[in-house]
Amino acid sequence: MRIPNDPTGRTDRPVHLVYEDPMLAERDRAGRAVRRLAEAMIGREVTAAELDEIATWADAAAGRLEPHQPIQRADDYQARRYTIAPPEDGDRLISFTDRPISGPGNPAANELVLWRDGMIVRAVATFGRLSEASPGRVHGGITSATFDDVMGYVMIVEATAAYTGELTVRYKAPMLIGMPIHFEAAVSDRAGKVWTITATARAGSADGEIVSEASGKFVVVSPERLGVTSPTPSE
């Protein structure tokens, strides 16, 4: 399964999902379209009539969708770390389609593409006006949330269930909207059930200036705690 919006240029990159989605391509297209609309709505001088037209259309569209059967979130998300095979090296990573921050079908997510590189998770994001705080700069909270999301994917690569216990972010230079930001994250320490993941964000390219860096402590949950008695062997 493949979807097209990969700023790394790897159009042949297979997609690893924790939960398969037969409508991944359609959700990706719809999510990007709604994000594009939101960017245009807040980033352009629009008229009151245009805003009224958007409001009328959005309310009507929501009214058509809301009667459909609600999607129930599966409760085995963490257990799947131990019951499905981890991603292959080079795979694009999506845990589930509507995931906050990185879910391509989530209109509130960012344009964020992640993939496995050995035991490192790499990602590219280009933040737009939806993420702007100080003029031309990405909101610090969005930077922090993106780090947390990228770090979470490290645990998918490691085939280990864990929750974020602590996150520290250092803002070193402006993170500019409209510029590709390259993230990199990996485990740097394993102390019992508390693992430390460190990450960097670089401007423009994978070897560009470090504009922000982060360190997170993740609390590992054993397969037994999750009711998994025969884990799938990890790489």
C-alpha atoms as a PDB file:
ATOM      1  CA  MET A   1       0.000   0.000   0.000  1.00  0.00           C
ATOM      2  CA  ARG A   2       1.367   3.421  -0.962  1.00  0.00           C
ATOM      3  CA  ILE A   3       0.192   7.009  -0.788  1.00  0.00           C
ATOM      4  CA  PRO A   4       1.746   9.796  -2.831  1.00  0.00           C
ATOM      5  CA  ASN A   5       2.591  12.755  -0.586  1.00  0.00           C
ATOM      6  CA  ASP A   6       6.170  11.858   0.365  1.00  0.00           C
ATOM      7  CA  PRO A   7       8.498  14.894   0.370  1.00  0.00           C
ATOM      8  CA  THR A   8      11.530  12.618   0.654  1.00  0.00           C
ATOM      9  CA  GLY A   9      11.079  11.694  -3.000  1.00  0.00           C
ATOM     10  CA  ARG A  10      10.577   8.001  -2.268  1.00  0.00           C
ATOM     11  CA  THR A  11       7.373   7.436  -4.216  1.00  0.00           C
ATOM     12  CA  ASP A  12       7.897   3.679  -3.935  1.00  0.00           C
ATOM     13  CA  ARG A  13       8.065   3.677  -0.125  1.00  0.00           C
ATOM     14  CA  PRO A  14       5.792   0.944   1.342  1.00  0.00           C
ATOM     15  CA  VAL A  15       3.534   2.024   4.206  1.00  0.00           C
ATOM     16  CA  HIS A  16       3.546   0.224   7.564  1.00  0.00           C
ATOM     17  CA  LEU A  17       0.332   0.720   9.540  1.00  0.00           C
ATOM     18  CA  VAL A  18      -0.410  -0.566  13.029  1.00  0.00           C
ATOM     19  CA  TYR A  19      -4.052  -0.684  11.886  1.00  0.00           C
ATOM     20  CA  GLU A  20      -4.702  -1.368   8.209  1.00  0.00           C
ATOM     21  CA  ASP A  21      -7.116   1.000   6.477  1.00  0.00           C
ATOM     22  CA  PRO A  22      -8.640  -0.018   3.132  1.00  0.00           C
ATOM     23  CA  MET A  23      -9.541   3.634   2.522  1.00  0.00           C
ATOM     24  CA  LEU A  24      -6.112   5.048   3.356  1.00  0.00           C
ATOM     25  CA  ALA A  25      -5.658   6.745  -0.020  1.00  0.00           C
ATOM     26  CA  GLU A  26      -9.135   8.309   0.085  1.00  0.00           C
ATOM     27  CA  ARG A  27      -8.710   9.509   3.683  1.00  0.00           C
ATOM     28  CA  ASP A  28      -5.277  10.906   2.825  1.00  0.00           C
ATOM     29  CA  ARG A  29      -6.717  12.857  -0.111  1.00  0.00           C
ATOM     30  CA  ALA A  30      -9.645  14.186   1.932  1.00  0.00           C
ATOM     31  CA  GLY A  31      -7.442  15.122   4.878  1.00  0.00           C
ATOM     32  CA  ARG A  32      -5.007  17.041   2.671  1.00  0.00           C
ATOM     33  CA  ALA A  33      -7.887  18.829   0.934  1.00  0.00           C
ATOM     34  CA  VAL A  34      -9.428  19.995   4.201  1.00  0.00           C
ATOM     35  CA  ARG A  35      -6.015  21.113   5.513  1.00  0.00           C
ATOM     36  CA  ARG A  36      -5.459  23.047   2.284  1.00  0.00           C
ATOM     37  CA  LEU A  37      -8.846  24.734   2.718  1.00  0.00           C
ATOM     38  CA  ALA A  38      -8.033  25.661   6.326  1.00  0.00           C
ATOM     39  CA  GLU A  39      -4.651  27.084   5.309  1.00  0.00           C
ATOM     40  CA  ALA A  40      -6.294  29.198   2.598  1.00  0.00           C
ATOM     41  CA  MET A  41      -9.058  30.356   4.927  1.00  0.00           C
ATOM     42  CA  ILE A  42      -6.726  31.742   7.605  1.00  0.00           C
ATOM     43  CA  GLY A  43      -3.816  32.685   5.350  1.00  0.00           C
ATOM     44  CA  ARG A  44      -5.609  34.818   2.777  1.00  0.00           C
ATOM     45  CA  GLU A  45      -7.664  37.995   2.777  1.00  0.00           C
ATOM     46  CA  VAL A  46     -11.092  36.498   2.200  1.00  0.00           C
ATOM     47  CA  THR A  47     -14.490  38.169   2.103  1.00  0.00           C
ATOM     48  CA  ALA A  48     -17.355  37.761   4.532  1.00  0.00           C
ATOM     49  CA  ALA A  49     -19.383  36.184   1.749  1.00  0.00           C
ATOM     50  CA  GLU A  50     -16.673  33.579   1.124  1.00  0.00           C
ATOM     51  CA  LEU A  51     -16.502  32.739   4.822  1.00  0.00           C
ATOM     52  CA  ASP A  52     -20.277  32.417   4.913  1.00  0.00           C
ATOM     53  CA  GLU A  53     -20.146  30.070   1.902  1.00  0.00           C
ATOM     54  CA  ILE A  54     -17.516  27.909   3.624  1.00  0.00           C
ATOM     55  CA  ALA A  55     -19.519  27.786   6.851  1.00  0.00           C
ATOM     56  CA  THR A  56     -22.677  26.763   5.013  1.00  0.00           C
ATOM     57  CA  TRP A  57     -20.878  24.046   3.049  1.00  0.00           C
ATOM     58  CA  ALA A  58     -18.993  22.709   6.106  1.00  0.00           C
ATOM     59  CA  ASP A  59     -22.128  22.535   8.251  1.00  0.00           C
ATOM     60  CA  ALA A  60     -23.976  20.704   5.459  1.00  0.00           C
ATOM     61  CA  ALA A  61     -21.110  18.246   4.933  1.00  0.00           C
ATOM     62  CA  ALA A  62     -20.855  17.560   8.673  1.00  0.00           C
ATOM     63  CA  GLY A  63     -24.596  16.997   8.791  1.00  0.00           C
ATOM     64  CA  ARG A  64     -24.271  14.297   6.115  1.00  0.00           C
ATOM     65  CA  LEU A  65     -21.420  12.525   7.909  1.00  0.00           C
ATOM     66  CA  GLU A  66     -22.585  12.675  11.531  1.00  0.00           C
ATOM     67  CA  PRO A  67     -25.414  10.121  11.166  1.00  0.00           C
ATOM     68  CA  HIS A  68     -22.914   7.434  10.090  1.00  0.00           C
ATOM     69  CA  GLN A  69     -21.842   4.760  12.541  1.00  0.00           C
ATOM     70  CA  PRO A  70     -19.136   6.091  14.926  1.00  0.00           C
ATOM     71  CA  ILE A  71     -15.662   4.595  14.630  1.00  0.00           C
ATOM     72  CA  GLN A  72     -14.685   2.830  17.841  1.00  0.00           C
ATOM     73  CA  ARG A  73     -11.003   3.072  18.722  1.00  0.00           C
ATOM     74  CA  ALA A  74      -9.537  -0.411  19.164  1.00  0.00           C
ATOM     75  CA  ASP A  75      -8.189  -1.023  22.670  1.00  0.00           C
ATOM     76  CA  ASP A  76      -5.270  -3.243  21.636  1.00  0.00           C
ATOM     77  CA  TYR A  77      -3.073  -0.457  20.233  1.00  0.00           C
ATOM     78  CA  GLN A  78      -0.175  -0.986  22.639  1.00  0.00           C
ATOM     79  CA  ALA A  79      -0.532  -4.776  22.611  1.00  0.00           C
ATOM     80  CA  ARG A  80       0.008  -4.758  18.846  1.00  0.00           C
ATOM     81  CA  ARG A  81       3.633  -3.784  19.455  1.00  0.00           C
ATOM     82  CA  TYR A  82       4.068  -7.421  20.500  1.00  0.00           C
ATOM     83  CA  THR A  83       1.638  -9.170  18.163  1.00  0.00           C
ATOM     84  CA  ILE A  84       2.417  -7.779  14.692  1.00  0.00           C
ATOM     85  CA  ALA A  85       5.709  -7.654  12.826  1.00  0.00           C
ATOM     86  CA  PRO A  86       7.636  -4.376  13.125  1.00  0.00           C
ATOM     87  CA  PRO A  87       8.100  -2.169  10.059  1.00  0.00           C
ATOM     88  CA  GLU A  88      10.755  -3.041   7.516  1.00  0.00           C
ATOM     89  CA  ASP A  89      13.739  -0.751   7.072  1.00  0.00           C
ATOM     90  CA  GLY A  90      12.692   2.105   4.789  1.00  0.00           C
ATOM     91  CA  ASP A  91       8.951   1.711   5.411  1.00  0.00           C
ATOM     92  CA  ARG A  92       6.849   4.823   5.782  1.00  0.00           C
ATOM     93  CA  LEU A  93       5.267   4.811   9.252  1.00  0.00           C
ATOM     94  CA  ILE A  94       1.609   5.499  10.045  1.00  0.00           C
ATOM     95  CA  SER A  95       0.188   4.040  13.241  1.00  0.00           C
ATOM     96  CA  PHE A  96      -3.422   4.781  12.314  1.00  0.00           C
ATOM     97  CA  THR A  97      -4.955   7.003   9.677  1.00  0.00           C
ATOM     98  CA  ASP A  98      -6.575   9.581  11.974  1.00  0.00           C
ATOM     99  CA  ARG A  99      -3.714   9.805  14.476  1.00  0.00           C
ATOM    100  CA  PRO A 100      -3.156  13.324  15.861  1.00  0.00           C
ATOM    101  CA  ILE A 101      -0.099  15.131  14.450  1.00  0.00           C
ATOM    102  CA  SER A 102       0.795  12.533  11.792  1.00  0.00           C
ATOM    103  CA  GLY A 103      -2.414  10.826  10.664  1.00  0.00           C
ATOM    104  CA  PRO A 104      -2.824  11.660   6.951  1.00  0.00           C
ATOM    105  CA  GLY A 105      -6.594  11.354   7.191  1.00  0.00           C
ATOM    106  CA  ASN A 106      -6.842  13.714  10.174  1.00  0.00           C
ATOM    107  CA  PRO A 107      -7.610  17.276   8.998  1.00  0.00           C
ATOM    108  CA  ALA A 108      -6.053  18.634  12.218  1.00  0.00           C
ATOM    109  CA  ALA A 109      -2.754  16.793  11.664  1.00  0.00           C
ATOM    110  CA  ASN A 110       0.408  18.191  10.122  1.00  0.00           C
ATOM    111  CA  GLU A 111       1.960  17.362   6.768  1.00  0.00           C
ATOM    112  CA  LEU A 112       4.389  14.958   8.414  1.00  0.00           C
ATOM    113  CA  VAL A 113       5.995  11.962   6.715  1.00  0.00           C
ATOM    114  CA  LEU A 114       7.923   9.451   8.850  1.00  0.00           C
ATOM    115  CA  TRP A 115       9.988   6.417   7.914  1.00  0.00           C
ATOM    116  CA  ARG A 116      12.310   3.835   9.411  1.00  0.00           C
ATOM    117  CA  ASP A 117      16.081   4.129   8.853  1.00  0.00           C
ATOM    118  CA  GLY A 118      17.655   1.249  10.727  1.00  0.00           C
ATOM    119  CA  MET A 119      16.685   1.853  14.357  1.00  0.00           C
ATOM    120  CA  ILE A 120      16.235   5.581  13.720  1.00  0.00           C
ATOM    121  CA  VAL A 121      12.942   7.260  12.883  1.00  0.00           C
ATOM    122  CA  ARG A 122      13.271  10.091  10.383  1.00  0.00           C
ATOM    123  CA  ALA A 123      10.562  12.541   9.439  1.00  0.00           C
ATOM    124  CA  VAL A 124       9.979  15.594   7.286  1.00  0.00           C
ATOM    125  CA  ALA A 125       7.368  18.238   8.035  1.00  0.00           C
ATOM    126  CA  THR A 126       6.562  21.505   6.333  1.00  0.00           C
ATOM    127  CA  PHE A 127       4.470  23.608   8.692  1.00  0.00           C
ATOM    128  CA  GLY A 128       2.042  26.160   7.308  1.00  0.00           C
ATOM    129  CA  ARG A 129      -0.077  28.997   8.614  1.00  0.00           C
ATOM    130  CA  LEU A 130      -2.124  26.616  10.765  1.00  0.00           C
ATOM    131  CA  SER A 131       1.004  26.159  12.907  1.00  0.00           C
ATOM    132  CA  GLU A 132       2.103  29.809  13.011  1.00  0.00           C
ATOM    133  CA  ALA A 133       2.416  31.698  16.305  1.00  0.00           C
ATOM    134  CA  SER A 134       4.970  34.530  16.180  1.00  0.00           C
ATOM    135  CA  PRO A 135       5.041  35.824  12.602  1.00  0.00           C
ATOM    136  CA  GLY A 136       6.662  33.261  10.334  1.00  0.00           C
ATOM    137  CA  ARG A 137       7.464  30.859  13.178  1.00  0.00           C
ATOM    138  CA  VAL A 138       6.028  27.509  14.240  1.00  0.00           C
ATOM    139  CA  HIS A 139       4.198  27.496  17.586  1.00  0.00           C
ATOM    140  CA  GLY A 140       6.383  25.944  20.294  1.00  0.00           C
ATOM    141  CA  GLY A 141       3.593  23.640  21.436  1.00  0.00           C
ATOM    142  CA  ILE A 142       3.285  22.211  17.933  1.00  0.00           C
ATOM    143  CA  THR A 143       7.046  21.656  17.864  1.00  0.00           C
ATOM    144  CA  SER A 144       6.778  19.791  21.164  1.00  0.00           C
ATOM    145  CA  ALA A 145       3.820  17.691  20.009  1.00  0.00           C
ATOM    146  CA  THR A 146       5.648  16.781  16.801  1.00  0.00           C
ATOM    147  CA  PHE A 147       8.683  15.618  18.760  1.00  0.00           C
ATOM    148  CA  ASP A 148       6.440  13.483  20.987  1.00  0.00           C
ATOM    149  CA  ASP A 149       4.800  11.928  17.939  1.00  0.00           C
ATOM    150  CA  VAL A 150       8.091  11.188  16.162  1.00  0.00           C
ATOM    151  CA  MET A 151       9.516   9.679  19.354  1.00  0.00           C
ATOM    152  CA  GLY A 152       6.439   7.495  19.732  1.00  0.00           C
ATOM    153  CA  TYR A 153       7.188   5.921  16.372  1.00  0.00           C
ATOM    154  CA  VAL A 154      10.614   4.893  17.671  1.00  0.00           C
ATOM    155  CA  MET A 155       8.807   2.495  19.987  1.00  0.00           C
ATOM    156  CA  ILE A 156       6.964   1.043  16.983  1.00  0.00           C
ATOM    157  CA  VAL A 157      10.327   0.428  15.298  1.00  0.00           C
ATOM    158  CA  GLU A 158      11.603  -1.093  18.560  1.00  0.00           C
ATOM    159  CA  ALA A 159       8.466  -3.315  18.739  1.00  0.00           C
ATOM    160  CA  THR A 160       7.990  -2.217  22.343  1.00  0.00           C
ATOM    161  CA  ALA A 161       4.945  -0.744  24.065  1.00  0.00           C
ATOM    162  CA  ALA A 162       5.531   2.439  26.057  1.00  0.00           C
ATOM    163  CA  TYR A 163       3.941   5.689  27.172  1.00  0.00           C
ATOM    164  CA  THR A 164       5.529   9.124  27.302  1.00  0.00           C
ATOM    165  CA  GLY A 165       6.532   9.849  30.893  1.00  0.00           C
ATOM    166  CA  GLU A 166       8.492  13.071  30.390  1.00  0.00           C
ATOM    167  CA  LEU A 167       9.333  15.329  27.479  1.00  0.00           C
ATOM    168  CA  THR A 168      11.908  18.110  27.420  1.00  0.00           C
ATOM    169  CA  VAL A 169      12.285  20.394  24.417  1.00  0.00           C
ATOM    170  CA  ARG A 170      14.986  22.990  23.817  1.00  0.00           C
ATOM    171  CA  TYR A 171      14.258  25.689  21.258  1.00  0.00           C
ATOM    172  CA  LYS A 172      17.593  26.759  19.778  1.00  0.00           C
ATOM    173  CA  ALA A 173      16.626  28.804  16.712  1.00  0.00           C
ATOM    174  CA  PRO A 174      13.449  29.877  14.918  1.00  0.00           C
ATOM    175  CA  MET A 175      11.535  27.062  13.233  1.00  0.00           C
ATOM    176  CA  LEU A 176      10.116  28.761  10.163  1.00  0.00           C
ATOM    177  CA  ILE A 177       6.829  27.954   8.490  1.00  0.00           C
ATOM    178  CA  GLY A 178       7.080  26.927   4.848  1.00  0.00           C
ATOM    179  CA  MET A 179      10.535  25.381   5.305  1.00  0.00           C
ATOM    180  CA  PRO A 180      11.059  21.596   5.388  1.00  0.00           C
ATOM    181  CA  ILE A 181      12.003  20.513   8.902  1.00  0.00           C
ATOM    182  CA  HIS A 182      13.860  17.213   9.231  1.00  0.00           C
ATOM    183  CA  PHE A 183      13.358  15.243  12.447  1.00  0.00           C
ATOM    184  CA  GLU A 184      15.487  12.348  13.685  1.00  0.00           C
ATOM    185  CA  ALA A 185      14.870  10.243  16.799  1.00  0.00           C
ATOM    186  CA  ALA A 186      16.287   7.083  18.388  1.00  0.00           C
ATOM    187  CA  VAL A 187      16.698   5.366  21.741  1.00  0.00           C
ATOM    188  CA  SER A 188      19.762   6.688  23.569  1.00  0.00           C
ATOM    189  CA  ASP A 189      19.450   4.850  26.893  1.00  0.00           C
ATOM    190  CA  ARG A 190      17.626   1.856  28.348  1.00  0.00           C
ATOM    191  CA  ALA A 191      17.366   1.920  32.146  1.00  0.00           C
ATOM    192  CA  GLY A 192      15.048  -0.896  33.120  1.00  0.00           C
ATOM    193  CA  LYS A 193      11.513   0.006  32.105  1.00  0.00           C
ATOM    194  CA  VAL A 194      12.423   3.659  31.439  1.00  0.00           C
ATOM    195  CA  TRP A 195      13.928   4.312  28.033  1.00  0.00           C
ATOM    196  CA  THR A 196      15.304   7.663  26.897  1.00  0.00           C
ATOM    197  CA  ILE A 197      14.731   8.814  23.341  1.00  0.00           C
ATOM    198  CA  THR A 198      16.601  11.812  21.964  1.00  0.00           C
ATOM    199  CA  ALA A 199      15.676  13.752  18.860  1.00  0.00           C
ATOM    200  CA  THR A 200      16.672  16.719  16.744  1.00  0.00           C
ATOM    201  CA  ALA A 201      14.899  18.987  14.279  1.00  0.00           C
ATOM    202  CA  ARG A 202      16.963  20.509  11.473  1.00  0.00           C
ATOM    203  CA  ALA A 203      16.026  23.274   9.067  1.00  0.00           C
ATOM    204  CA  GLY A 204      16.006  22.698   5.332  1.00  0.00           C
ATOM    205  CA  SER A 205      17.781  19.340   5.128  1.00  0.00           C
ATOM    206  CA  ALA A 206      18.836  16.316   7.147  1.00  0.00           C
ATOM    207  CA  ASP A 207      22.200  17.974   7.865  1.00  0.00           C
ATOM    208  CA  GLY A 208      20.888  21.527   8.269  1.00  0.00           C
ATOM    209  CA  GLU A 209      21.009  23.760  11.329  1.00  0.00           C
ATOM    210  CA  ILE A 210      19.549  22.226  14.491  1.00  0.00           C
ATOM    211  CA  VAL A 211      16.634  24.478  15.376  1.00  0.00           C
ATOM    212  CA  SER A 212      15.275  22.375  18.219  1.00  0.00           C
ATOM    213  CA  GLU A 213      16.164  19.250  20.145  1.00  0.00           C
ATOM    214  CA  ALA A 214      14.298  17.037  22.580  1.00  0.00           C
ATOM    215  CA  SER A 215      14.696  14.277  25.104  1.00  0.00           C
ATOM    216  CA  GLY A 216      11.879  12.042  26.295  1.00  0.00           C
ATOM    217  CA  LYS A 217      11.561   9.345  28.927  1.00  0.00           C
ATOM    218  CA  PHE A 218       9.255   6.527  27.892  1.00  0.00           C
ATOM    219  CA  VAL A 219       7.836   4.002  30.350  1.00  0.00           C
ATOM    220  CA  VAL A 220       7.865   0.503  28.868  1.00  0.00           C
ATOM    221  CA  VAL A 221       4.845  -1.755  29.348  1.00  0.00           C
ATOM    222  CA  SER A 222       5.651  -5.467  29.254  1.00  0.00           C
ATOM    223  CA  PRO A 223       3.681  -7.830  26.996  1.00  0.00           C
ATOM    224  CA  GLU A 224       2.429  -9.651  30.073  1.00  0.00           C
ATOM    225  CA  ARG A 225       0.868  -6.449  31.422  1.00  0.00           C
ATOM    226  CA  LEU A 226      -1.014  -6.182  28.145  1.00  0.00           C
ATOM    227  CA  GLY A 227      -2.181  -9.775  28.201  1.00  0.00           C
ATOM    228  CA  VAL A 228       0.204 -10.939  25.463  1.00  0.00           C
ATOM    229  CA  THR A 229       1.648 -14.350  26.242  1.00  0.00           C
ATOM    230  CA  SER A 230       3.390 -15.182  22.940  1.00  0.00           C
ATOM    231  CA  PRO A 231       4.909 -12.037  21.438  1.00  0.00           C
ATOM    232  CA  THR A 232       5.821 -11.957  17.738  1.00  0.00           C
ATOM    233  CA  PRO A 233       9.641 -12.053  17.516  1.00  0.00           C
ATOM    234  CA  SER A 234      11.091  -8.611  16.745  1.00  0.00           C
ATOM    235  CA  GLU A 235      14.067  -7.977  14.508  1.00  0.00           C
END
